[in-house]
Amino acid sequence: MQIWAGLGNPGAQYAMHRHNVGFMAVDLIAETHGFGPWTKKFRSLVSEGRIGRNRVLLMKPQTYMNDSGDAVQQALRFYKLDVEALTALHDELDLAPFKVKVRTGGGLAGHNGLRSIDASLGPDFRRVRLGIGHPGHKDRVTGYVLGNFAKSEIEPLSDMLAAIASEAEWLADGDDVRFMSDVASRQQP
């Protein structure tokens, strides 16, 4: 069993925020791979299914970003899994818009969802970093991250999410390099 936690904030008013791209990714993965209905468990919405030969629990913590670690920790404890079973999908300011990078461990880059998970479980979980770009000045970061994607960004956003969902089997198999490569290939015009 793997646990993939899309990070975001609950509520319709946040649905299209850049900060919620992790929720968007797990929603499309669930739809593409025929996962079960979303149910409430572990202070989250969860959906269980298979990606290739791997059982995966998708999570959308409903705790707001700052307390994502508690929800994720509850799920890991329930399934008796170590932190290595966790993949967090999250927005990344320091990555060009719609680029996708995967790594295990690393810094928190000021991301409150990652900070919460790190405080609960330590840093050794896999992260799927979903690039949203940087607004250019640190004073504009909060409004940018908590703002909706622009109309001009909807098509490349949809392309990125579709590529992630289509290539998710590589991620489930632990072939992060192939996953990144195939996602990038699918995004080429």
N, C-alpha and C. Protein backbone atom coordinates (compact mmCIF):
# COMPACT_ATOMS: atom_id res chain seq x y z
N MET A 1 0.84 -1.20 0.00
CA MET A 1 0.00 0.00 0.00
C MET A 1 0.88 1.24 0.00
N GLN A 2 0.55 2.16 -0.88
CA GLN A 2 1.20 3.46 -0.90
C GLN A 2 0.16 4.51 -0.56
N ILE A 3 0.60 5.60 0.02
CA ILE A 3 -0.29 6.72 0.31
C ILE A 3 0.22 7.93 -0.45
N TRP A 4 -0.65 8.45 -1.30
CA TRP A 4 -0.33 9.66 -2.08
C TRP A 4 -1.23 10.76 -1.57
N ALA A 5 -0.62 11.77 -0.95
CA ALA A 5 -1.38 12.88 -0.38
C ALA A 5 -1.24 14.10 -1.26
N GLY A 6 -2.34 14.50 -1.87
CA GLY A 6 -2.38 15.77 -2.58
C GLY A 6 -2.58 16.86 -1.55
N LEU A 7 -1.77 17.90 -1.61
CA LEU A 7 -1.88 18.97 -0.61
C LEU A 7 -2.69 20.13 -1.16
N GLY A 8 -3.55 20.67 -0.30
CA GLY A 8 -4.40 21.79 -0.69
C GLY A 8 -5.21 22.23 0.51
N ASN A 9 -6.13 23.15 0.25
CA ASN A 9 -7.04 23.63 1.28
C ASN A 9 -8.46 23.22 0.89
N PRO A 10 -9.25 22.74 1.87
CA PRO A 10 -10.62 22.31 1.56
C PRO A 10 -11.54 23.50 1.32
N GLY A 11 -12.55 23.28 0.52
CA GLY A 11 -13.56 24.31 0.29
C GLY A 11 -13.56 24.78 -1.15
N ALA A 12 -14.76 25.01 -1.67
CA ALA A 12 -14.93 25.39 -3.07
C ALA A 12 -14.21 26.70 -3.41
N GLN A 13 -14.11 27.60 -2.44
CA GLN A 13 -13.47 28.89 -2.71
C GLN A 13 -11.98 28.76 -3.02
N TYR A 14 -11.38 27.63 -2.64
CA TYR A 14 -9.95 27.41 -2.88
C TYR A 14 -9.68 26.51 -4.08
N ALA A 15 -10.71 25.98 -4.68
CA ALA A 15 -10.56 24.89 -5.66
C ALA A 15 -9.57 25.19 -6.78
N MET A 16 -9.55 26.41 -7.30
CA MET A 16 -8.66 26.73 -8.43
C MET A 16 -7.41 27.50 -8.01
N HIS A 17 -7.15 27.57 -6.71
CA HIS A 17 -5.93 28.25 -6.25
C HIS A 17 -4.69 27.46 -6.67
N ARG A 18 -3.61 28.17 -6.94
CA ARG A 18 -2.34 27.51 -7.25
C ARG A 18 -1.92 26.57 -6.12
N HIS A 19 -2.24 26.95 -4.89
CA HIS A 19 -1.86 26.16 -3.71
C HIS A 19 -2.59 24.81 -3.69
N ASN A 20 -3.64 24.65 -4.50
CA ASN A 20 -4.44 23.43 -4.49
C ASN A 20 -4.14 22.50 -5.65
N VAL A 21 -3.04 22.71 -6.33
CA VAL A 21 -2.73 21.86 -7.48
C VAL A 21 -2.49 20.41 -7.06
N GLY A 22 -2.09 20.17 -5.82
CA GLY A 22 -1.95 18.79 -5.32
C GLY A 22 -3.30 18.07 -5.28
N PHE A 23 -4.34 18.78 -4.82
CA PHE A 23 -5.70 18.22 -4.84
C PHE A 23 -6.11 17.90 -6.28
N MET A 24 -5.84 18.85 -7.19
CA MET A 24 -6.23 18.66 -8.59
C MET A 24 -5.57 17.40 -9.16
N ALA A 25 -4.30 17.19 -8.83
CA ALA A 25 -3.57 16.04 -9.35
C ALA A 25 -4.17 14.72 -8.87
N VAL A 26 -4.45 14.60 -7.58
CA VAL A 26 -5.00 13.33 -7.08
C VAL A 26 -6.43 13.12 -7.57
N ASP A 27 -7.18 14.20 -7.77
CA ASP A 27 -8.52 14.06 -8.34
C ASP A 27 -8.46 13.40 -9.72
N LEU A 28 -7.54 13.88 -10.56
CA LEU A 28 -7.46 13.33 -11.92
C LEU A 28 -6.86 11.93 -11.93
N ILE A 29 -5.92 11.65 -11.02
CA ILE A 29 -5.39 10.29 -10.89
C ILE A 29 -6.52 9.33 -10.54
N ALA A 30 -7.36 9.71 -9.57
CA ALA A 30 -8.48 8.86 -9.15
C ALA A 30 -9.43 8.60 -10.32
N GLU A 31 -9.74 9.65 -11.06
CA GLU A 31 -10.66 9.52 -12.19
C GLU A 31 -10.06 8.66 -13.30
N THR A 32 -8.81 8.91 -13.64
CA THR A 32 -8.15 8.21 -14.74
C THR A 32 -8.00 6.72 -14.45
N HIS A 33 -7.72 6.38 -13.20
CA HIS A 33 -7.43 4.99 -12.84
C HIS A 33 -8.62 4.27 -12.20
N GLY A 34 -9.80 4.88 -12.26
CA GLY A 34 -11.02 4.21 -11.80
C GLY A 34 -11.05 3.89 -10.32
N PHE A 35 -10.54 4.81 -9.51
CA PHE A 35 -10.56 4.62 -8.06
C PHE A 35 -11.98 4.67 -7.53
N GLY A 36 -12.16 4.18 -6.30
CA GLY A 36 -13.47 4.21 -5.66
C GLY A 36 -13.88 5.63 -5.30
N PRO A 37 -15.10 5.77 -4.78
CA PRO A 37 -15.59 7.10 -4.40
C PRO A 37 -14.76 7.69 -3.25
N TRP A 38 -14.75 9.01 -3.19
CA TRP A 38 -14.07 9.70 -2.09
C TRP A 38 -14.92 9.55 -0.83
N THR A 39 -14.27 9.15 0.27
CA THR A 39 -14.95 9.03 1.56
C THR A 39 -14.15 9.77 2.62
N LYS A 40 -14.77 10.02 3.76
CA LYS A 40 -14.10 10.74 4.85
C LYS A 40 -13.41 9.75 5.78
N LYS A 41 -12.12 9.95 5.98
CA LYS A 41 -11.33 9.13 6.89
C LYS A 41 -10.01 9.86 7.15
N PHE A 42 -9.46 9.71 8.31
CA PHE A 42 -8.16 10.32 8.66
C PHE A 42 -8.17 11.84 8.50
N ARG A 43 -9.28 12.49 8.82
CA ARG A 43 -9.40 13.95 8.65
C ARG A 43 -9.12 14.35 7.20
N SER A 44 -9.51 13.47 6.29
CA SER A 44 -9.23 13.67 4.87
C SER A 44 -10.38 13.11 4.04
N LEU A 45 -10.34 13.42 2.77
CA LEU A 45 -11.12 12.67 1.79
C LEU A 45 -10.15 11.67 1.21
N VAL A 46 -10.54 10.40 1.16
CA VAL A 46 -9.65 9.34 0.67
C VAL A 46 -10.37 8.54 -0.41
N SER A 47 -9.57 7.99 -1.31
CA SER A 47 -10.07 7.13 -2.37
C SER A 47 -9.03 6.05 -2.60
N GLU A 48 -9.49 4.81 -2.65
CA GLU A 48 -8.56 3.69 -2.77
C GLU A 48 -8.71 3.03 -4.14
N GLY A 49 -7.59 2.56 -4.66
CA GLY A 49 -7.62 1.86 -5.94
C GLY A 49 -6.27 1.26 -6.27
N ARG A 50 -6.11 0.92 -7.54
CA ARG A 50 -4.86 0.33 -8.01
C ARG A 50 -4.32 1.16 -9.16
N ILE A 51 -3.02 1.29 -9.15
CA ILE A 51 -2.32 1.87 -10.29
C ILE A 51 -1.33 0.81 -10.72
N GLY A 52 -1.63 0.19 -11.87
CA GLY A 52 -0.84 -0.96 -12.28
C GLY A 52 -1.03 -2.06 -11.25
N ARG A 53 0.09 -2.57 -10.72
CA ARG A 53 0.03 -3.66 -9.74
C ARG A 53 0.06 -3.16 -8.30
N ASN A 54 0.01 -1.84 -8.12
CA ASN A 54 0.19 -1.24 -6.79
C ASN A 54 -1.12 -0.72 -6.21
N ARG A 55 -1.37 -1.06 -4.93
CA ARG A 55 -2.49 -0.48 -4.20
C ARG A 55 -2.09 0.91 -3.72
N VAL A 56 -2.97 1.88 -3.97
CA VAL A 56 -2.68 3.26 -3.59
C VAL A 56 -3.90 3.86 -2.90
N LEU A 57 -3.64 4.54 -1.79
CA LEU A 57 -4.66 5.34 -1.12
C LEU A 57 -4.36 6.79 -1.45
N LEU A 58 -5.29 7.42 -2.16
CA LEU A 58 -5.17 8.85 -2.43
C LEU A 58 -5.81 9.61 -1.29
N MET A 59 -5.18 10.70 -0.88
CA MET A 59 -5.69 11.51 0.23
C MET A 59 -5.75 12.97 -0.16
N LYS A 60 -6.78 13.64 0.32
CA LYS A 60 -6.86 15.10 0.27
C LYS A 60 -7.17 15.55 1.71
N PRO A 61 -6.11 15.85 2.49
CA PRO A 61 -6.34 16.27 3.88
C PRO A 61 -7.30 17.46 3.93
N GLN A 62 -8.27 17.38 4.83
CA GLN A 62 -9.26 18.44 4.99
C GLN A 62 -8.94 19.32 6.19
N THR A 63 -7.68 19.35 6.56
CA THR A 63 -7.22 20.03 7.77
C THR A 63 -6.68 21.42 7.49
N TYR A 64 -6.73 21.87 6.26
CA TYR A 64 -6.00 23.03 5.78
C TYR A 64 -4.52 22.68 5.75
N MET A 65 -3.83 23.38 4.90
CA MET A 65 -2.43 23.07 4.60
C MET A 65 -1.57 22.93 5.86
N ASN A 66 -1.77 23.84 6.81
CA ASN A 66 -0.88 23.91 7.98
C ASN A 66 -0.93 22.69 8.89
N ASP A 67 -1.94 21.82 8.72
CA ASP A 67 -2.07 20.66 9.60
C ASP A 67 -2.14 19.35 8.80
N SER A 68 -1.60 19.37 7.58
CA SER A 68 -1.63 18.18 6.72
C SER A 68 -0.92 17.00 7.35
N GLY A 69 0.12 17.26 8.13
CA GLY A 69 0.92 16.19 8.72
C GLY A 69 0.12 15.28 9.62
N ASP A 70 -0.83 15.84 10.36
CA ASP A 70 -1.63 15.02 11.27
C ASP A 70 -2.47 14.01 10.49
N ALA A 71 -3.12 14.47 9.42
CA ALA A 71 -3.97 13.59 8.61
C ALA A 71 -3.14 12.46 8.00
N VAL A 72 -2.00 12.82 7.43
CA VAL A 72 -1.14 11.84 6.78
C VAL A 72 -0.60 10.84 7.80
N GLN A 73 -0.21 11.33 8.97
CA GLN A 73 0.30 10.45 10.03
C GLN A 73 -0.76 9.45 10.47
N GLN A 74 -2.02 9.89 10.57
CA GLN A 74 -3.10 8.97 10.95
C GLN A 74 -3.22 7.82 9.94
N ALA A 75 -3.14 8.15 8.65
CA ALA A 75 -3.27 7.11 7.62
C ALA A 75 -2.09 6.14 7.67
N LEU A 76 -0.88 6.66 7.79
CA LEU A 76 0.29 5.78 7.87
C LEU A 76 0.21 4.86 9.09
N ARG A 77 -0.21 5.41 10.21
CA ARG A 77 -0.32 4.61 11.43
C ARG A 77 -1.39 3.52 11.26
N PHE A 78 -2.53 3.86 10.68
CA PHE A 78 -3.62 2.90 10.48
C PHE A 78 -3.16 1.72 9.63
N TYR A 79 -2.42 1.99 8.56
CA TYR A 79 -1.97 0.93 7.65
C TYR A 79 -0.62 0.34 8.05
N LYS A 80 -0.07 0.82 9.19
CA LYS A 80 1.22 0.34 9.70
C LYS A 80 2.32 0.50 8.64
N LEU A 81 2.38 1.69 8.07
CA LEU A 81 3.36 1.98 7.01
C LEU A 81 4.40 2.96 7.53
N ASP A 82 5.60 2.85 6.97
CA ASP A 82 6.67 3.80 7.25
C ASP A 82 6.54 5.01 6.34
N VAL A 83 7.29 6.04 6.66
CA VAL A 83 7.24 7.29 5.90
C VAL A 83 7.61 7.08 4.42
N GLU A 84 8.37 6.02 4.13
CA GLU A 84 8.76 5.75 2.74
C GLU A 84 7.55 5.40 1.86
N ALA A 85 6.43 5.04 2.45
CA ALA A 85 5.21 4.72 1.69
C ALA A 85 4.46 5.97 1.25
N LEU A 86 4.90 7.14 1.73
CA LEU A 86 4.19 8.39 1.49
C LEU A 86 4.76 9.16 0.29
N THR A 87 3.86 9.64 -0.55
CA THR A 87 4.20 10.59 -1.61
C THR A 87 3.30 11.79 -1.44
N ALA A 88 3.89 12.98 -1.33
CA ALA A 88 3.12 14.23 -1.24
C ALA A 88 3.18 14.94 -2.59
N LEU A 89 2.03 15.31 -3.13
CA LEU A 89 1.96 16.08 -4.37
C LEU A 89 1.61 17.51 -3.99
N HIS A 90 2.47 18.46 -4.37
CA HIS A 90 2.29 19.84 -3.87
C HIS A 90 2.77 20.87 -4.87
N ASP A 91 2.29 22.10 -4.67
CA ASP A 91 2.72 23.22 -5.49
C ASP A 91 4.15 23.61 -5.11
N GLU A 92 4.89 24.09 -6.10
CA GLU A 92 6.31 24.45 -5.89
C GLU A 92 6.58 25.79 -6.56
N LEU A 93 6.81 26.82 -5.75
CA LEU A 93 7.12 28.17 -6.25
C LEU A 93 8.43 28.21 -7.03
N ASP A 94 9.41 27.45 -6.58
CA ASP A 94 10.76 27.54 -7.14
C ASP A 94 10.95 26.62 -8.34
N LEU A 95 9.87 26.29 -9.01
CA LEU A 95 9.91 25.44 -10.20
C LEU A 95 9.08 26.14 -11.27
N ALA A 96 9.60 26.15 -12.49
CA ALA A 96 8.89 26.83 -13.59
C ALA A 96 7.46 26.30 -13.70
N PRO A 97 6.53 27.15 -14.12
CA PRO A 97 5.14 26.72 -14.21
C PRO A 97 4.98 25.43 -15.03
N PHE A 98 4.26 24.48 -14.43
CA PHE A 98 3.84 23.23 -15.06
C PHE A 98 4.99 22.24 -15.29
N LYS A 99 6.13 22.49 -14.67
CA LYS A 99 7.20 21.50 -14.65
C LYS A 99 6.93 20.56 -13.47
N VAL A 100 7.36 19.31 -13.61
CA VAL A 100 7.12 18.31 -12.57
C VAL A 100 8.45 17.67 -12.21
N LYS A 101 8.78 17.69 -10.94
CA LYS A 101 10.00 17.07 -10.45
C LYS A 101 9.66 16.19 -9.25
N VAL A 102 10.39 15.10 -9.11
CA VAL A 102 10.18 14.18 -7.98
C VAL A 102 11.49 14.04 -7.22
N ARG A 103 11.40 14.06 -5.91
CA ARG A 103 12.58 13.77 -5.09
C ARG A 103 12.11 13.28 -3.73
N THR A 104 13.01 12.59 -3.06
CA THR A 104 12.73 12.14 -1.70
C THR A 104 13.57 13.00 -0.77
N GLY A 105 12.92 13.49 0.28
CA GLY A 105 13.60 14.35 1.23
C GLY A 105 13.81 15.73 0.66
N GLY A 106 14.61 16.50 1.38
CA GLY A 106 14.92 17.85 0.90
C GLY A 106 14.30 18.90 1.80
N GLY A 107 14.47 20.14 1.36
CA GLY A 107 14.00 21.27 2.14
C GLY A 107 12.50 21.46 2.03
N LEU A 108 12.02 22.48 2.72
CA LEU A 108 10.58 22.73 2.79
C LEU A 108 10.16 23.92 1.94
N ALA A 109 11.12 24.74 1.53
CA ALA A 109 10.89 25.90 0.66
C ALA A 109 9.74 26.78 1.15
N GLY A 110 9.58 26.88 2.47
CA GLY A 110 8.52 27.72 3.02
C GLY A 110 7.11 27.18 2.85
N HIS A 111 6.97 25.93 2.43
CA HIS A 111 5.65 25.34 2.17
C HIS A 111 5.06 24.80 3.47
N ASN A 112 3.94 25.35 3.91
CA ASN A 112 3.37 24.97 5.20
C ASN A 112 2.88 23.53 5.24
N GLY A 113 2.40 23.00 4.13
CA GLY A 113 1.98 21.60 4.10
C GLY A 113 3.16 20.67 4.30
N LEU A 114 4.26 20.95 3.60
CA LEU A 114 5.47 20.15 3.77
C LEU A 114 6.03 20.30 5.18
N ARG A 115 5.98 21.51 5.70
CA ARG A 115 6.48 21.76 7.06
C ARG A 115 5.70 20.92 8.07
N SER A 116 4.38 20.84 7.89
CA SER A 116 3.53 20.07 8.80
C SER A 116 3.84 18.57 8.73
N ILE A 117 4.01 18.06 7.51
CA ILE A 117 4.34 16.64 7.35
C ILE A 117 5.73 16.35 7.93
N ASP A 118 6.68 17.23 7.66
CA ASP A 118 8.03 17.07 8.18
C ASP A 118 8.03 17.06 9.71
N ALA A 119 7.22 17.93 10.32
CA ALA A 119 7.15 17.99 11.79
C ALA A 119 6.55 16.70 12.36
N SER A 120 5.61 16.10 11.63
CA SER A 120 4.96 14.87 12.11
C SER A 120 5.78 13.61 11.82
N LEU A 121 6.46 13.58 10.67
CA LEU A 121 7.06 12.33 10.19
C LEU A 121 8.55 12.41 9.86
N GLY A 122 9.10 13.60 9.84
CA GLY A 122 10.47 13.76 9.38
C GLY A 122 10.50 14.03 7.88
N PRO A 123 11.69 14.27 7.32
CA PRO A 123 11.80 14.74 5.94
C PRO A 123 11.85 13.65 4.86
N ASP A 124 11.90 12.39 5.24
CA ASP A 124 12.23 11.34 4.27
C ASP A 124 11.03 10.77 3.53
N PHE A 125 10.17 11.65 3.00
CA PHE A 125 9.05 11.21 2.18
C PHE A 125 9.26 11.73 0.76
N ARG A 126 8.64 11.05 -0.19
CA ARG A 126 8.78 11.45 -1.60
C ARG A 126 7.83 12.62 -1.88
N ARG A 127 8.35 13.55 -2.67
CA ARG A 127 7.56 14.73 -3.04
C ARG A 127 7.46 14.80 -4.55
N VAL A 128 6.25 15.02 -5.04
CA VAL A 128 6.04 15.33 -6.45
C VAL A 128 5.80 16.83 -6.48
N ARG A 129 6.80 17.54 -6.98
CA ARG A 129 6.79 19.00 -6.97
C ARG A 129 6.15 19.50 -8.26
N LEU A 130 5.05 20.23 -8.14
CA LEU A 130 4.29 20.70 -9.29
C LEU A 130 4.54 22.21 -9.43
N GLY A 131 5.28 22.57 -10.46
CA GLY A 131 5.71 23.95 -10.62
C GLY A 131 4.57 24.93 -10.86
N ILE A 132 4.58 26.00 -10.07
CA ILE A 132 3.61 27.08 -10.28
C ILE A 132 4.33 28.40 -10.61
N GLY A 133 5.67 28.37 -10.60
CA GLY A 133 6.42 29.60 -10.87
C GLY A 133 6.37 30.55 -9.68
N HIS A 134 7.15 31.61 -9.77
CA HIS A 134 7.27 32.59 -8.70
C HIS A 134 6.77 33.94 -9.22
N PRO A 135 6.05 34.70 -8.39
CA PRO A 135 5.52 35.98 -8.87
C PRO A 135 6.59 37.06 -9.05
N GLY A 136 7.83 36.78 -8.63
CA GLY A 136 8.91 37.72 -8.87
C GLY A 136 9.41 38.44 -7.63
N HIS A 137 8.55 38.66 -6.65
CA HIS A 137 8.97 39.33 -5.43
C HIS A 137 8.31 38.65 -4.24
N LYS A 138 9.06 38.48 -3.16
CA LYS A 138 8.54 37.73 -2.01
C LYS A 138 7.30 38.37 -1.39
N ASP A 139 7.12 39.68 -1.53
CA ASP A 139 5.94 40.34 -0.99
C ASP A 139 4.66 39.94 -1.72
N ARG A 140 4.80 39.38 -2.92
CA ARG A 140 3.62 39.00 -3.72
C ARG A 140 3.31 37.51 -3.63
N VAL A 141 4.12 36.75 -2.90
CA VAL A 141 3.97 35.30 -2.88
C VAL A 141 2.62 34.85 -2.33
N THR A 142 2.19 35.36 -1.18
CA THR A 142 0.95 34.88 -0.56
C THR A 142 -0.25 35.08 -1.48
N GLY A 143 -0.40 36.25 -2.04
CA GLY A 143 -1.52 36.51 -2.94
C GLY A 143 -1.47 35.67 -4.19
N TYR A 144 -0.26 35.41 -4.66
CA TYR A 144 -0.07 34.60 -5.87
C TYR A 144 -0.44 33.14 -5.61
N VAL A 145 0.09 32.59 -4.53
CA VAL A 145 -0.16 31.18 -4.21
C VAL A 145 -1.63 30.95 -3.88
N LEU A 146 -2.23 31.91 -3.17
CA LEU A 146 -3.63 31.79 -2.78
C LEU A 146 -4.57 32.43 -3.81
N GLY A 147 -4.06 32.62 -5.02
CA GLY A 147 -4.88 33.13 -6.12
C GLY A 147 -5.18 32.01 -7.10
N ASN A 148 -6.21 32.23 -7.90
CA ASN A 148 -6.59 31.26 -8.91
C ASN A 148 -5.59 31.25 -10.06
N PHE A 149 -5.50 30.09 -10.72
CA PHE A 149 -4.74 30.04 -11.96
C PHE A 149 -5.40 31.01 -12.95
N ALA A 150 -4.58 31.68 -13.76
CA ALA A 150 -5.10 32.60 -14.78
C ALA A 150 -5.74 31.80 -15.91
N LYS A 151 -6.65 32.43 -16.64
CA LYS A 151 -7.30 31.77 -17.78
C LYS A 151 -6.26 31.22 -18.76
N SER A 152 -5.20 31.98 -18.98
CA SER A 152 -4.16 31.56 -19.93
C SER A 152 -3.38 30.35 -19.44
N GLU A 153 -3.49 30.02 -18.14
CA GLU A 153 -2.77 28.88 -17.58
C GLU A 153 -3.59 27.59 -17.57
N ILE A 154 -4.88 27.67 -17.86
CA ILE A 154 -5.76 26.50 -17.71
C ILE A 154 -5.35 25.37 -18.65
N GLU A 155 -5.02 25.69 -19.90
CA GLU A 155 -4.65 24.62 -20.83
C GLU A 155 -3.34 23.94 -20.43
N PRO A 156 -2.26 24.69 -20.15
CA PRO A 156 -1.04 23.99 -19.70
C PRO A 156 -1.22 23.27 -18.36
N LEU A 157 -2.06 23.80 -17.46
CA LEU A 157 -2.37 23.13 -16.21
C LEU A 157 -3.04 21.79 -16.50
N SER A 158 -4.05 21.80 -17.37
CA SER A 158 -4.76 20.57 -17.74
C SER A 158 -3.81 19.56 -18.37
N ASP A 159 -2.91 20.04 -19.22
CA ASP A 159 -1.93 19.15 -19.86
C ASP A 159 -1.02 18.51 -18.82
N MET A 160 -0.54 19.30 -17.85
CA MET A 160 0.34 18.77 -16.80
C MET A 160 -0.40 17.71 -15.98
N LEU A 161 -1.62 18.02 -15.54
CA LEU A 161 -2.38 17.08 -14.72
C LEU A 161 -2.69 15.80 -15.47
N ALA A 162 -3.04 15.91 -16.76
CA ALA A 162 -3.32 14.73 -17.57
C ALA A 162 -2.07 13.88 -17.73
N ALA A 163 -0.92 14.52 -17.91
CA ALA A 163 0.35 13.78 -18.05
C ALA A 163 0.67 13.03 -16.76
N ILE A 164 0.47 13.69 -15.63
CA ILE A 164 0.74 13.05 -14.33
C ILE A 164 -0.15 11.82 -14.17
N ALA A 165 -1.45 11.98 -14.44
CA ALA A 165 -2.38 10.86 -14.28
C ALA A 165 -2.04 9.73 -15.24
N SER A 166 -1.69 10.07 -16.47
CA SER A 166 -1.38 9.04 -17.48
C SER A 166 -0.13 8.26 -17.15
N GLU A 167 0.85 8.91 -16.56
CA GLU A 167 2.15 8.29 -16.28
C GLU A 167 2.29 7.84 -14.83
N ALA A 168 1.20 7.86 -14.06
CA ALA A 168 1.25 7.55 -12.62
C ALA A 168 1.77 6.15 -12.33
N GLU A 169 1.64 5.22 -13.28
CA GLU A 169 2.11 3.86 -13.01
C GLU A 169 3.62 3.85 -12.77
N TRP A 170 4.37 4.70 -13.47
CA TRP A 170 5.83 4.77 -13.23
C TRP A 170 6.11 5.25 -11.82
N LEU A 171 5.33 6.20 -11.36
CA LEU A 171 5.50 6.71 -10.00
C LEU A 171 5.18 5.61 -8.98
N ALA A 172 4.10 4.89 -9.23
CA ALA A 172 3.69 3.81 -8.33
C ALA A 172 4.75 2.70 -8.28
N ASP A 173 5.41 2.46 -9.42
CA ASP A 173 6.46 1.44 -9.49
C ASP A 173 7.80 1.91 -8.92
N GLY A 174 7.87 3.19 -8.55
CA GLY A 174 9.11 3.73 -7.98
C GLY A 174 10.12 4.18 -9.01
N ASP A 175 9.72 4.26 -10.28
CA ASP A 175 10.62 4.73 -11.33
C ASP A 175 10.40 6.22 -11.55
N ASP A 176 10.92 7.02 -10.60
CA ASP A 176 10.70 8.47 -10.62
C ASP A 176 11.29 9.12 -11.87
N VAL A 177 12.44 8.63 -12.32
CA VAL A 177 13.10 9.21 -13.49
C VAL A 177 12.24 9.01 -14.74
N ARG A 178 11.75 7.79 -14.93
CA ARG A 178 10.89 7.52 -16.09
C ARG A 178 9.60 8.34 -16.00
N PHE A 179 9.03 8.45 -14.80
CA PHE A 179 7.83 9.25 -14.59
C PHE A 179 8.08 10.70 -15.04
N MET A 180 9.16 11.31 -14.55
CA MET A 180 9.45 12.70 -14.90
C MET A 180 9.67 12.86 -16.40
N SER A 181 10.41 11.93 -16.98
CA SER A 181 10.72 11.98 -18.41
C SER A 181 9.45 11.87 -19.25
N ASP A 182 8.59 10.91 -18.91
CA ASP A 182 7.38 10.69 -19.70
C ASP A 182 6.37 11.82 -19.51
N VAL A 183 6.30 12.38 -18.31
CA VAL A 183 5.42 13.54 -18.08
C VAL A 183 5.90 14.71 -18.94
N ALA A 184 7.22 14.95 -18.92
CA ALA A 184 7.76 16.05 -19.74
C ALA A 184 7.50 15.82 -21.23
N SER A 185 7.66 14.58 -21.69
CA SER A 185 7.42 14.26 -23.11
C SER A 185 5.98 14.54 -23.50
N ARG A 186 5.05 14.18 -22.64
CA ARG A 186 3.62 14.40 -22.93
C ARG A 186 3.27 15.88 -22.99
N GLN A 187 4.05 16.71 -22.32
CA GLN A 187 3.76 18.14 -22.27
C GLN A 187 4.36 18.90 -23.45
N GLN A 188 5.16 18.24 -24.29
CA GLN A 188 5.75 18.93 -25.43
C GLN A 188 4.66 19.28 -26.44
N PRO A 189 4.74 20.49 -27.02
CA PRO A 189 3.71 20.89 -27.98
C PRO A 189 3.78 20.07 -29.27
